[in-house]
Protein backbone atom coordinates (compact mmCIF):
# COMPACT_ATOMS: atom_id res chain seq x y z
CA UNK A 1 0.00 0.00 0.00
CA UNK A 2 2.78 2.42 0.90
CA UNK A 3 4.69 1.68 -2.30
CA UNK A 4 1.59 2.17 -4.42
CA UNK A 5 0.82 5.43 -2.62
CA UNK A 6 4.38 6.66 -3.17
CA UNK A 7 4.21 5.82 -6.88
CA UNK A 8 0.90 7.66 -7.22
CA UNK A 9 2.29 10.72 -5.43
CA UNK A 10 5.38 10.71 -7.66
CA UNK A 11 3.20 10.47 -10.76
CA UNK A 12 1.09 13.40 -9.55
CA UNK A 13 4.17 15.54 -8.94
CA UNK A 14 5.40 14.67 -12.41
CA UNK A 15 2.21 16.10 -13.92
CA UNK A 16 2.72 19.47 -12.21
CA UNK A 17 4.55 21.93 -14.43
CA UNK A 18 3.20 25.44 -13.90
CA UNK A 19 2.70 27.00 -10.45
CA UNK A 20 1.38 30.42 -9.47
CA UNK A 21 2.82 31.91 -6.27
CA UNK A 22 0.55 34.64 -4.90
CA UNK A 23 3.45 36.69 -3.50
CA UNK A 24 6.07 39.06 -4.96
CA UNK A 25 9.03 37.49 -6.73
CA UNK A 26 11.94 36.97 -4.29
CA UNK A 27 14.69 39.56 -4.56
CA UNK A 28 17.42 36.92 -4.73
CA UNK A 29 17.82 33.89 -6.97
CA UNK A 30 18.97 31.93 -3.92
CA UNK A 31 15.35 31.53 -2.84
CA UNK A 32 14.19 27.92 -2.16
CA UNK A 33 11.48 28.52 -4.77
CA UNK A 34 14.05 28.50 -7.56
CA UNK A 35 15.87 25.48 -6.16
CA UNK A 36 12.55 23.62 -6.22
CA UNK A 37 11.90 24.77 -9.78
CA UNK A 38 15.29 23.55 -10.99
CA UNK A 39 14.98 20.23 -9.20
CA UNK A 40 11.54 19.39 -10.62
CA UNK A 41 11.68 21.35 -13.89
CA UNK A 42 8.84 23.68 -12.85
CA UNK A 43 7.69 27.00 -14.25
CA UNK A 44 6.93 29.52 -11.47
CA UNK A 45 5.00 32.76 -11.83
CA UNK A 46 4.85 35.34 -9.01
CA UNK A 47 1.89 37.71 -8.74
CA UNK A 48 0.84 39.32 -5.42
CA UNK A 49 -2.89 38.81 -4.87
CA UNK A 50 -3.12 41.42 -2.12
CA UNK A 51 -1.78 44.90 -1.44
CA UNK A 52 -1.78 47.30 1.48
CA UNK A 53 -3.73 50.54 1.57
CA UNK A 54 -3.04 53.20 4.15
CA UNK A 55 -5.92 54.43 6.29
CA UNK A 56 -6.04 58.21 5.70
CA UNK A 57 -5.64 60.62 8.60
CA UNK A 58 -9.27 61.76 8.40
CA UNK A 59 -10.44 58.18 8.93
CA UNK A 60 -7.75 57.44 11.54
CA UNK A 61 -8.94 60.33 13.73
CA UNK A 62 -12.24 58.50 14.27
CA UNK A 63 -10.35 55.97 16.41
CA UNK A 64 -9.54 58.80 18.86
CA UNK A 65 -5.97 57.64 19.48
CA UNK A 66 -3.47 60.32 20.52
CA UNK A 67 -0.22 58.94 19.11
CA UNK A 68 1.98 61.36 21.05
CA UNK A 69 0.53 60.06 24.32
CA UNK A 70 2.27 56.68 23.91
CA UNK A 71 5.89 56.17 24.92
CA UNK A 72 6.55 52.85 23.16
CA UNK A 73 5.61 51.32 19.80
CA UNK A 74 5.46 47.61 18.88
CA UNK A 75 6.33 46.74 15.27
CA UNK A 76 5.92 43.32 13.67
CA UNK A 77 6.66 44.33 10.06
CA UNK A 78 8.22 46.98 7.85
CA UNK A 79 4.77 47.77 6.52
CA UNK A 80 3.65 48.70 10.03
CA UNK A 81 6.64 51.06 10.31
CA UNK A 82 5.87 52.69 6.97
CA UNK A 83 2.25 53.35 7.86
CA UNK A 84 2.99 54.48 11.42
CA UNK A 85 5.29 57.26 10.23
CA UNK A 86 3.02 58.05 7.27
CA UNK A 87 0.13 58.54 9.69
CA UNK A 88 2.27 60.70 11.96
CA UNK A 89 3.27 62.88 8.99
CA UNK A 90 -0.30 63.23 7.73
CA UNK A 91 -1.52 64.19 11.21
CA UNK A 92 1.52 66.42 11.85
CA UNK A 93 2.45 64.44 14.96
CA UNK A 94 6.01 64.90 16.23
CA UNK A 95 7.28 61.58 17.56
CA UNK A 96 9.33 62.09 20.70
CA UNK A 97 13.04 61.27 20.51
CA UNK A 98 12.53 59.31 23.73
CA UNK A 99 10.01 56.92 22.16
CA UNK A 100 11.02 53.25 22.50
CA UNK A 101 10.52 50.77 19.68
CA UNK A 102 10.05 47.03 20.19
CA UNK A 103 10.47 44.99 16.99
CA UNK A 104 9.86 41.36 16.11
CA UNK A 105 13.24 40.93 14.35
CA UNK A 106 16.53 42.76 13.90
CA UNK A 107 15.70 43.33 10.21
CA UNK A 108 12.50 45.16 11.18
CA UNK A 109 14.41 47.14 13.81
CA UNK A 110 17.09 48.22 11.33
CA UNK A 111 14.39 49.43 8.95
CA UNK A 112 13.66 52.16 11.49
CA UNK A 113 16.85 53.90 10.32
CA UNK A 114 14.78 55.15 7.39
CA UNK A 115 12.75 57.30 9.80
CA UNK A 116 14.69 57.90 13.03
CA UNK A 117 18.18 58.35 14.39
CA UNK A 118 18.87 54.74 15.37
CA UNK A 119 19.96 54.26 18.96
CA UNK A 120 20.20 50.86 20.60
CA UNK A 121 19.05 52.32 23.89
CA UNK A 122 15.59 52.91 22.43
CA UNK A 123 15.30 50.21 19.74
CA UNK A 124 14.84 46.63 20.90
CA UNK A 125 14.16 43.34 19.11
CA UNK A 126 13.72 39.66 19.88
CA UNK A 127 16.60 37.24 19.63
CA UNK A 128 15.04 34.72 17.26
CA UNK A 129 12.14 36.44 15.49
CA UNK A 130 9.40 34.88 17.63
CA UNK A 131 6.73 36.65 19.63
CA UNK A 132 8.10 35.05 22.78
CA UNK A 133 11.58 36.51 22.32
CA UNK A 134 10.05 39.94 21.72
CA UNK A 135 7.92 39.54 24.86
CA UNK A 136 11.08 38.78 26.87
CA UNK A 137 12.56 42.09 25.75
CA UNK A 138 9.37 44.08 26.37
CA UNK A 139 9.08 42.53 29.82
CA UNK A 140 12.42 44.07 30.82
CA UNK A 141 11.34 47.58 29.83
CA UNK A 142 7.58 47.73 30.28
CA UNK A 143 7.49 49.67 33.55
CA UNK A 144 5.71 53.02 33.12
CA UNK A 145 5.44 52.56 29.36
CA UNK A 146 2.29 53.10 27.30
CA UNK A 147 2.34 50.88 24.20
CA UNK A 148 0.98 51.58 20.75
CA UNK A 149 0.72 48.52 18.47
CA UNK A 150 -0.09 49.55 14.85
CA UNK A 151 -2.22 46.91 13.12
CA UNK A 152 -3.92 46.10 9.87
CA UNK A 153 -7.68 46.60 9.90
CA UNK A 154 -8.02 43.06 8.54
CA UNK A 155 -5.75 41.23 10.91
CA UNK A 156 -3.96 41.64 14.18
CA UNK A 157 -1.85 39.24 16.20
CA UNK A 158 -4.05 38.12 19.09
CA UNK A 159 -1.05 36.55 20.82
CA UNK A 160 0.58 39.96 21.18
CA UNK A 161 -2.66 41.60 22.31
CA UNK A 162 -3.30 38.83 24.84
CA UNK A 163 0.23 39.11 26.21
CA UNK A 164 -0.11 42.87 26.69
CA UNK A 165 -3.42 42.31 28.49
CA UNK A 166 -2.11 39.47 30.66
CA UNK A 167 0.90 41.52 31.69
CA UNK A 168 -1.28 44.51 32.54
CA UNK A 169 0.33 46.82 29.98
CA UNK A 170 -1.44 50.01 29.01
CA UNK A 171 -1.83 49.80 25.24
CA UNK A 172 -3.89 50.57 22.13
CA UNK A 173 -4.02 48.80 18.76
CA UNK A 174 -4.94 51.47 16.20
CA UNK A 175 -5.62 50.46 12.61
CA UNK A 176 -3.25 52.31 10.25
CA UNK A 177 -3.59 50.24 7.07
CA UNK A 178 -5.73 47.54 5.51
CA UNK A 179 -5.27 44.63 3.12
CA UNK A 180 -7.18 44.86 -0.13
CA UNK A 181 -7.41 42.59 -3.17
CA UNK A 182 -5.03 43.33 -6.05
CA UNK A 183 -6.30 43.34 -9.62
CA UNK A 184 -5.08 39.99 -11.00
CA UNK A 185 -7.86 39.29 -13.50
CA UNK A 186 -5.40 39.23 -16.41
CA UNK A 187 -3.26 36.67 -14.56
CA UNK A 188 -6.19 34.35 -13.95
CA UNK A 189 -7.56 34.61 -17.49
CA UNK A 190 -4.29 34.53 -19.41
CA UNK A 191 -2.70 31.32 -18.12
CA UNK A 192 -3.73 27.94 -16.77
CA UNK A 193 -1.88 26.75 -13.67
CA UNK A 194 -1.54 23.30 -12.13
CA UNK A 195 -1.21 24.74 -8.62
CA UNK A 196 -2.00 28.12 -7.06
CA UNK A 197 -0.27 28.73 -3.70
CA UNK A 198 -1.94 31.01 -1.16
CA UNK A 199 -0.40 32.29 2.06
CA UNK A 200 -3.26 34.11 3.79
CA UNK A 201 -7.05 34.08 3.82
CA UNK A 202 -6.88 37.54 2.21
CA UNK A 203 -5.18 35.98 -0.81
CA UNK A 204 -8.01 33.46 -1.15
CA UNK A 205 -10.54 36.29 -0.88
CA UNK A 206 -8.72 38.10 -3.67
CA UNK A 207 -9.17 35.06 -5.92
CA UNK A 208 -12.95 35.22 -5.52
CA UNK A 209 -12.97 39.02 -5.82
CA UNK A 210 -11.17 38.73 -9.15
CA UNK A 211 -13.03 35.67 -10.41
CA UNK A 212 -16.47 35.40 -8.77
CA UNK A 213 -18.03 31.94 -9.00
CA UNK A 214 -20.92 33.26 -11.08
CA UNK A 215 -18.52 34.62 -13.69
CA UNK A 216 -15.95 31.84 -13.64
CA UNK A 217 -15.76 28.98 -16.11
CA UNK A 218 -13.89 25.91 -14.99
CA UNK A 219 -10.81 24.97 -17.04
CA UNK A 220 -10.46 21.50 -18.47
CA UNK A 221 -8.42 20.57 -15.44
CA UNK A 222 -8.92 22.80 -12.43
CA UNK A 223 -5.70 23.79 -10.60
CA UNK A 224 -4.93 22.61 -7.10
CA UNK A 225 -4.92 25.27 -4.39
CA UNK A 226 -2.64 25.20 -1.39
CA UNK A 227 -2.77 27.56 1.61
CA UNK A 228 0.74 27.78 3.01
CA UNK A 229 2.30 29.53 6.02
CA UNK A 230 4.28 32.64 5.21
CA UNK A 231 7.99 31.64 4.97
C-alpha atoms as a PDB file:
ATOM      1  CA  UNK A   1       0.000   0.000   0.000  1.00  0.00           C
ATOM      2  CA  UNK A   2       2.781   2.425   0.903  1.00  0.00           C
ATOM      3  CA  UNK A   3       4.690   1.677  -2.297  1.00  0.00           C
ATOM      4  CA  UNK A   4       1.589   2.172  -4.415  1.00  0.00           C
ATOM      5  CA  UNK A   5       0.823   5.431  -2.622  1.00  0.00           C
ATOM      6  CA  UNK A   6       4.380   6.661  -3.167  1.00  0.00           C
ATOM      7  CA  UNK A   7       4.213   5.822  -6.878  1.00  0.00           C
ATOM      8  CA  UNK A   8       0.900   7.656  -7.218  1.00  0.00           C
ATOM      9  CA  UNK A   9       2.291  10.721  -5.430  1.00  0.00           C
ATOM     10  CA  UNK A  10       5.382  10.711  -7.661  1.00  0.00           C
ATOM     11  CA  UNK A  11       3.195  10.471 -10.763  1.00  0.00           C
ATOM     12  CA  UNK A  12       1.092  13.398  -9.550  1.00  0.00           C
ATOM     13  CA  UNK A  13       4.175  15.541  -8.942  1.00  0.00           C
ATOM     14  CA  UNK A  14       5.404  14.673 -12.407  1.00  0.00           C
ATOM     15  CA  UNK A  15       2.211  16.097 -13.923  1.00  0.00           C
ATOM     16  CA  UNK A  16       2.715  19.474 -12.213  1.00  0.00           C
ATOM     17  CA  UNK A  17       4.553  21.932 -14.430  1.00  0.00           C
ATOM     18  CA  UNK A  18       3.198  25.440 -13.899  1.00  0.00           C
ATOM     19  CA  UNK A  19       2.696  26.998 -10.453  1.00  0.00           C
ATOM     20  CA  UNK A  20       1.376  30.421  -9.473  1.00  0.00           C
ATOM     21  CA  UNK A  21       2.820  31.905  -6.269  1.00  0.00           C
ATOM     22  CA  UNK A  22       0.552  34.640  -4.901  1.00  0.00           C
ATOM     23  CA  UNK A  23       3.449  36.688  -3.503  1.00  0.00           C
ATOM     24  CA  UNK A  24       6.067  39.062  -4.962  1.00  0.00           C
ATOM     25  CA  UNK A  25       9.026  37.488  -6.725  1.00  0.00           C
ATOM     26  CA  UNK A  26      11.940  36.971  -4.288  1.00  0.00           C
ATOM     27  CA  UNK A  27      14.689  39.556  -4.559  1.00  0.00           C
ATOM     28  CA  UNK A  28      17.415  36.921  -4.727  1.00  0.00           C
ATOM     29  CA  UNK A  29      17.823  33.888  -6.972  1.00  0.00           C
ATOM     30  CA  UNK A  30      18.968  31.927  -3.923  1.00  0.00           C
ATOM     31  CA  UNK A  31      15.345  31.526  -2.840  1.00  0.00           C
ATOM     32  CA  UNK A  32      14.193  27.922  -2.164  1.00  0.00           C
ATOM     33  CA  UNK A  33      11.482  28.525  -4.770  1.00  0.00           C
ATOM     34  CA  UNK A  34      14.053  28.502  -7.557  1.00  0.00           C
ATOM     35  CA  UNK A  35      15.873  25.479  -6.158  1.00  0.00           C
ATOM     36  CA  UNK A  36      12.553  23.622  -6.216  1.00  0.00           C
ATOM     37  CA  UNK A  37      11.895  24.769  -9.778  1.00  0.00           C
ATOM     38  CA  UNK A  38      15.288  23.555 -10.995  1.00  0.00           C
ATOM     39  CA  UNK A  39      14.979  20.227  -9.198  1.00  0.00           C
ATOM     40  CA  UNK A  40      11.539  19.389 -10.623  1.00  0.00           C
ATOM     41  CA  UNK A  41      11.677  21.353 -13.888  1.00  0.00           C
ATOM     42  CA  UNK A  42       8.840  23.683 -12.852  1.00  0.00           C
ATOM     43  CA  UNK A  43       7.686  27.004 -14.246  1.00  0.00           C
ATOM     44  CA  UNK A  44       6.935  29.516 -11.468  1.00  0.00           C
ATOM     45  CA  UNK A  45       5.000  32.760 -11.833  1.00  0.00           C
ATOM     46  CA  UNK A  46       4.852  35.337  -9.014  1.00  0.00           C
ATOM     47  CA  UNK A  47       1.891  37.709  -8.745  1.00  0.00           C
ATOM     48  CA  UNK A  48       0.845  39.320  -5.417  1.00  0.00           C
ATOM     49  CA  UNK A  49      -2.889  38.808  -4.867  1.00  0.00           C
ATOM     50  CA  UNK A  50      -3.124  41.418  -2.119  1.00  0.00           C
ATOM     51  CA  UNK A  51      -1.780  44.904  -1.440  1.00  0.00           C
ATOM     52  CA  UNK A  52      -1.785  47.302   1.480  1.00  0.00           C
ATOM     53  CA  UNK A  53      -3.730  50.537   1.568  1.00  0.00           C
ATOM     54  CA  UNK A  54      -3.045  53.201   4.151  1.00  0.00           C
ATOM     55  CA  UNK A  55      -5.920  54.433   6.291  1.00  0.00           C
ATOM     56  CA  UNK A  56      -6.038  58.209   5.697  1.00  0.00           C
ATOM     57  CA  UNK A  57      -5.637  60.625   8.598  1.00  0.00           C
ATOM     58  CA  UNK A  58      -9.269  61.759   8.403  1.00  0.00           C
ATOM     59  CA  UNK A  59     -10.436  58.181   8.935  1.00  0.00           C
ATOM     60  CA  UNK A  60      -7.750  57.438  11.542  1.00  0.00           C
ATOM     61  CA  UNK A  61      -8.945  60.328  13.728  1.00  0.00           C
ATOM     62  CA  UNK A  62     -12.241  58.500  14.266  1.00  0.00           C
ATOM     63  CA  UNK A  63     -10.345  55.967  16.407  1.00  0.00           C
ATOM     64  CA  UNK A  64      -9.542  58.796  18.862  1.00  0.00           C
ATOM     65  CA  UNK A  65      -5.969  57.640  19.476  1.00  0.00           C
ATOM     66  CA  UNK A  66      -3.475  60.321  20.525  1.00  0.00           C
ATOM     67  CA  UNK A  67      -0.220  58.939  19.106  1.00  0.00           C
ATOM     68  CA  UNK A  68       1.979  61.359  21.046  1.00  0.00           C
ATOM     69  CA  UNK A  69       0.533  60.062  24.325  1.00  0.00           C
ATOM     70  CA  UNK A  70       2.270  56.685  23.912  1.00  0.00           C
ATOM     71  CA  UNK A  71       5.888  56.173  24.916  1.00  0.00           C
ATOM     72  CA  UNK A  72       6.549  52.852  23.157  1.00  0.00           C
ATOM     73  CA  UNK A  73       5.611  51.316  19.800  1.00  0.00           C
ATOM     74  CA  UNK A  74       5.464  47.613  18.879  1.00  0.00           C
ATOM     75  CA  UNK A  75       6.333  46.743  15.271  1.00  0.00           C
ATOM     76  CA  UNK A  76       5.919  43.320  13.667  1.00  0.00           C
ATOM     77  CA  UNK A  77       6.665  44.327  10.061  1.00  0.00           C
ATOM     78  CA  UNK A  78       8.218  46.977   7.846  1.00  0.00           C
ATOM     79  CA  UNK A  79       4.766  47.767   6.521  1.00  0.00           C
ATOM     80  CA  UNK A  80       3.649  48.701  10.033  1.00  0.00           C
ATOM     81  CA  UNK A  81       6.644  51.057  10.311  1.00  0.00           C
ATOM     82  CA  UNK A  82       5.867  52.694   6.968  1.00  0.00           C
ATOM     83  CA  UNK A  83       2.248  53.346   7.862  1.00  0.00           C
ATOM     84  CA  UNK A  84       2.990  54.478  11.416  1.00  0.00           C
ATOM     85  CA  UNK A  85       5.292  57.255  10.227  1.00  0.00           C
ATOM     86  CA  UNK A  86       3.018  58.052   7.267  1.00  0.00           C
ATOM     87  CA  UNK A  87       0.134  58.536   9.694  1.00  0.00           C
ATOM     88  CA  UNK A  88       2.273  60.700  11.960  1.00  0.00           C
ATOM     89  CA  UNK A  89       3.273  62.877   8.991  1.00  0.00           C
ATOM     90  CA  UNK A  90      -0.298  63.233   7.729  1.00  0.00           C
ATOM     91  CA  UNK A  91      -1.517  64.186  11.206  1.00  0.00           C
ATOM     92  CA  UNK A  92       1.518  66.421  11.846  1.00  0.00           C
ATOM     93  CA  UNK A  93       2.452  64.436  14.962  1.00  0.00           C
ATOM     94  CA  UNK A  94       6.006  64.897  16.226  1.00  0.00           C
ATOM     95  CA  UNK A  95       7.281  61.582  17.555  1.00  0.00           C
ATOM     96  CA  UNK A  96       9.334  62.092  20.695  1.00  0.00           C
ATOM     97  CA  UNK A  97      13.043  61.275  20.512  1.00  0.00           C
ATOM     98  CA  UNK A  98      12.534  59.309  23.734  1.00  0.00           C
ATOM     99  CA  UNK A  99      10.009  56.916  22.165  1.00  0.00           C
ATOM    100  CA  UNK A 100      11.016  53.249  22.504  1.00  0.00           C
ATOM    101  CA  UNK A 101      10.521  50.771  19.682  1.00  0.00           C
ATOM    102  CA  UNK A 102      10.055  47.031  20.189  1.00  0.00           C
ATOM    103  CA  UNK A 103      10.465  44.992  16.990  1.00  0.00           C
ATOM    104  CA  UNK A 104       9.861  41.357  16.110  1.00  0.00           C
ATOM    105  CA  UNK A 105      13.241  40.928  14.346  1.00  0.00           C
ATOM    106  CA  UNK A 106      16.533  42.765  13.901  1.00  0.00           C
ATOM    107  CA  UNK A 107      15.700  43.325  10.208  1.00  0.00           C
ATOM    108  CA  UNK A 108      12.505  45.155  11.177  1.00  0.00           C
ATOM    109  CA  UNK A 109      14.408  47.140  13.805  1.00  0.00           C
ATOM    110  CA  UNK A 110      17.092  48.218  11.326  1.00  0.00           C
ATOM    111  CA  UNK A 111      14.389  49.430   8.955  1.00  0.00           C
ATOM    112  CA  UNK A 112      13.661  52.162  11.493  1.00  0.00           C
ATOM    113  CA  UNK A 113      16.850  53.901  10.318  1.00  0.00           C
ATOM    114  CA  UNK A 114      14.779  55.154   7.392  1.00  0.00           C
ATOM    115  CA  UNK A 115      12.755  57.303   9.804  1.00  0.00           C
ATOM    116  CA  UNK A 116      14.691  57.901  13.031  1.00  0.00           C
ATOM    117  CA  UNK A 117      18.184  58.350  14.395  1.00  0.00           C
ATOM    118  CA  UNK A 118      18.875  54.740  15.367  1.00  0.00           C
ATOM    119  CA  UNK A 119      19.964  54.259  18.955  1.00  0.00           C
ATOM    120  CA  UNK A 120      20.196  50.860  20.596  1.00  0.00           C
ATOM    121  CA  UNK A 121      19.050  52.322  23.892  1.00  0.00           C
ATOM    122  CA  UNK A 122      15.594  52.912  22.434  1.00  0.00           C
ATOM    123  CA  UNK A 123      15.298  50.210  19.740  1.00  0.00           C
ATOM    124  CA  UNK A 124      14.837  46.628  20.902  1.00  0.00           C
ATOM    125  CA  UNK A 125      14.163  43.341  19.107  1.00  0.00           C
ATOM    126  CA  UNK A 126      13.718  39.664  19.881  1.00  0.00           C
ATOM    127  CA  UNK A 127      16.603  37.242  19.635  1.00  0.00           C
ATOM    128  CA  UNK A 128      15.039  34.722  17.259  1.00  0.00           C
ATOM    129  CA  UNK A 129      12.142  36.439  15.489  1.00  0.00           C
ATOM    130  CA  UNK A 130       9.403  34.879  17.627  1.00  0.00           C
ATOM    131  CA  UNK A 131       6.726  36.648  19.627  1.00  0.00           C
ATOM    132  CA  UNK A 132       8.104  35.050  22.784  1.00  0.00           C
ATOM    133  CA  UNK A 133      11.577  36.510  22.323  1.00  0.00           C
ATOM    134  CA  UNK A 134      10.052  39.944  21.721  1.00  0.00           C
ATOM    135  CA  UNK A 135       7.919  39.539  24.859  1.00  0.00           C
ATOM    136  CA  UNK A 136      11.077  38.776  26.866  1.00  0.00           C
ATOM    137  CA  UNK A 137      12.558  42.093  25.748  1.00  0.00           C
ATOM    138  CA  UNK A 138       9.369  44.082  26.368  1.00  0.00           C
ATOM    139  CA  UNK A 139       9.084  42.530  29.822  1.00  0.00           C
ATOM    140  CA  UNK A 140      12.416  44.071  30.818  1.00  0.00           C
ATOM    141  CA  UNK A 141      11.344  47.581  29.830  1.00  0.00           C
ATOM    142  CA  UNK A 142       7.584  47.726  30.278  1.00  0.00           C
ATOM    143  CA  UNK A 143       7.488  49.672  33.549  1.00  0.00           C
ATOM    144  CA  UNK A 144       5.714  53.022  33.125  1.00  0.00           C
ATOM    145  CA  UNK A 145       5.445  52.564  29.356  1.00  0.00           C
ATOM    146  CA  UNK A 146       2.292  53.098  27.297  1.00  0.00           C
ATOM    147  CA  UNK A 147       2.338  50.883  24.202  1.00  0.00           C
ATOM    148  CA  UNK A 148       0.983  51.582  20.747  1.00  0.00           C
ATOM    149  CA  UNK A 149       0.721  48.524  18.472  1.00  0.00           C
ATOM    150  CA  UNK A 150      -0.089  49.554  14.853  1.00  0.00           C
ATOM    151  CA  UNK A 151      -2.218  46.914  13.121  1.00  0.00           C
ATOM    152  CA  UNK A 152      -3.925  46.104   9.872  1.00  0.00           C
ATOM    153  CA  UNK A 153      -7.676  46.603   9.895  1.00  0.00           C
ATOM    154  CA  UNK A 154      -8.022  43.059   8.543  1.00  0.00           C
ATOM    155  CA  UNK A 155      -5.747  41.232  10.908  1.00  0.00           C
ATOM    156  CA  UNK A 156      -3.955  41.645  14.182  1.00  0.00           C
ATOM    157  CA  UNK A 157      -1.853  39.239  16.197  1.00  0.00           C
ATOM    158  CA  UNK A 158      -4.048  38.121  19.088  1.00  0.00           C
ATOM    159  CA  UNK A 159      -1.053  36.551  20.818  1.00  0.00           C
ATOM    160  CA  UNK A 160       0.583  39.957  21.176  1.00  0.00           C
ATOM    161  CA  UNK A 161      -2.659  41.604  22.310  1.00  0.00           C
ATOM    162  CA  UNK A 162      -3.296  38.831  24.838  1.00  0.00           C
ATOM    163  CA  UNK A 163       0.232  39.114  26.208  1.00  0.00           C
ATOM    164  CA  UNK A 164      -0.110  42.866  26.687  1.00  0.00           C
ATOM    165  CA  UNK A 165      -3.421  42.311  28.487  1.00  0.00           C
ATOM    166  CA  UNK A 166      -2.112  39.474  30.656  1.00  0.00           C
ATOM    167  CA  UNK A 167       0.902  41.524  31.692  1.00  0.00           C
ATOM    168  CA  UNK A 168      -1.279  44.508  32.536  1.00  0.00           C
ATOM    169  CA  UNK A 169       0.333  46.817  29.977  1.00  0.00           C
ATOM    170  CA  UNK A 170      -1.439  50.010  29.006  1.00  0.00           C
ATOM    171  CA  UNK A 171      -1.827  49.804  25.237  1.00  0.00           C
ATOM    172  CA  UNK A 172      -3.892  50.574  22.129  1.00  0.00           C
ATOM    173  CA  UNK A 173      -4.019  48.799  18.757  1.00  0.00           C
ATOM    174  CA  UNK A 174      -4.941  51.468  16.197  1.00  0.00           C
ATOM    175  CA  UNK A 175      -5.618  50.464  12.608  1.00  0.00           C
ATOM    176  CA  UNK A 176      -3.250  52.309  10.255  1.00  0.00           C
ATOM    177  CA  UNK A 177      -3.592  50.244   7.073  1.00  0.00           C
ATOM    178  CA  UNK A 178      -5.734  47.540   5.512  1.00  0.00           C
ATOM    179  CA  UNK A 179      -5.269  44.631   3.125  1.00  0.00           C
ATOM    180  CA  UNK A 180      -7.182  44.856  -0.130  1.00  0.00           C
ATOM    181  CA  UNK A 181      -7.407  42.594  -3.169  1.00  0.00           C
ATOM    182  CA  UNK A 182      -5.033  43.329  -6.050  1.00  0.00           C
ATOM    183  CA  UNK A 183      -6.304  43.336  -9.620  1.00  0.00           C
ATOM    184  CA  UNK A 184      -5.077  39.994 -11.001  1.00  0.00           C
ATOM    185  CA  UNK A 185      -7.861  39.293 -13.501  1.00  0.00           C
ATOM    186  CA  UNK A 186      -5.405  39.226 -16.414  1.00  0.00           C
ATOM    187  CA  UNK A 187      -3.262  36.672 -14.563  1.00  0.00           C
ATOM    188  CA  UNK A 188      -6.188  34.346 -13.946  1.00  0.00           C
ATOM    189  CA  UNK A 189      -7.557  34.614 -17.485  1.00  0.00           C
ATOM    190  CA  UNK A 190      -4.286  34.531 -19.406  1.00  0.00           C
ATOM    191  CA  UNK A 191      -2.702  31.318 -18.121  1.00  0.00           C
ATOM    192  CA  UNK A 192      -3.729  27.942 -16.773  1.00  0.00           C
ATOM    193  CA  UNK A 193      -1.876  26.747 -13.671  1.00  0.00           C
ATOM    194  CA  UNK A 194      -1.540  23.302 -12.133  1.00  0.00           C
ATOM    195  CA  UNK A 195      -1.211  24.740  -8.618  1.00  0.00           C
ATOM    196  CA  UNK A 196      -1.996  28.121  -7.062  1.00  0.00           C
ATOM    197  CA  UNK A 197      -0.273  28.730  -3.705  1.00  0.00           C
ATOM    198  CA  UNK A 198      -1.942  31.009  -1.160  1.00  0.00           C
ATOM    199  CA  UNK A 199      -0.405  32.291   2.062  1.00  0.00           C
ATOM    200  CA  UNK A 200      -3.256  34.111   3.794  1.00  0.00           C
ATOM    201  CA  UNK A 201      -7.054  34.079   3.820  1.00  0.00           C
ATOM    202  CA  UNK A 202      -6.876  37.543   2.214  1.00  0.00           C
ATOM    203  CA  UNK A 203      -5.181  35.980  -0.807  1.00  0.00           C
ATOM    204  CA  UNK A 204      -8.009  33.462  -1.153  1.00  0.00           C
ATOM    205  CA  UNK A 205     -10.541  36.294  -0.875  1.00  0.00           C
ATOM    206  CA  UNK A 206      -8.715  38.098  -3.674  1.00  0.00           C
ATOM    207  CA  UNK A 207      -9.172  35.057  -5.917  1.00  0.00           C
ATOM    208  CA  UNK A 208     -12.945  35.219  -5.519  1.00  0.00           C
ATOM    209  CA  UNK A 209     -12.973  39.016  -5.824  1.00  0.00           C
ATOM    210  CA  UNK A 210     -11.170  38.733  -9.154  1.00  0.00           C
ATOM    211  CA  UNK A 211     -13.025  35.672 -10.412  1.00  0.00           C
ATOM    212  CA  UNK A 212     -16.469  35.397  -8.772  1.00  0.00           C
ATOM    213  CA  UNK A 213     -18.028  31.941  -8.998  1.00  0.00           C
ATOM    214  CA  UNK A 214     -20.924  33.260 -11.078  1.00  0.00           C
ATOM    215  CA  UNK A 215     -18.520  34.624 -13.692  1.00  0.00           C
ATOM    216  CA  UNK A 216     -15.951  31.837 -13.642  1.00  0.00           C
ATOM    217  CA  UNK A 217     -15.758  28.977 -16.112  1.00  0.00           C
ATOM    218  CA  UNK A 218     -13.892  25.910 -14.987  1.00  0.00           C
ATOM    219  CA  UNK A 219     -10.811  24.971 -17.041  1.00  0.00           C
ATOM    220  CA  UNK A 220     -10.463  21.504 -18.472  1.00  0.00           C
ATOM    221  CA  UNK A 221      -8.416  20.565 -15.442  1.00  0.00           C
ATOM    222  CA  UNK A 222      -8.919  22.804 -12.427  1.00  0.00           C
ATOM    223  CA  UNK A 223      -5.700  23.792 -10.596  1.00  0.00           C
ATOM    224  CA  UNK A 224      -4.934  22.606  -7.102  1.00  0.00           C
ATOM    225  CA  UNK A 225      -4.922  25.266  -4.389  1.00  0.00           C
ATOM    226  CA  UNK A 226      -2.638  25.204  -1.394  1.00  0.00           C
ATOM    227  CA  UNK A 227      -2.772  27.556   1.608  1.00  0.00           C
ATOM    228  CA  UNK A 228       0.742  27.779   3.006  1.00  0.00           C
ATOM    229  CA  UNK A 229       2.297  29.531   6.021  1.00  0.00           C
ATOM    230  CA  UNK A 230       4.280  32.639   5.207  1.00  0.00           C
ATOM    231  CA  UNK A 231       7.986  31.635   4.969  1.00  0.00           C
END
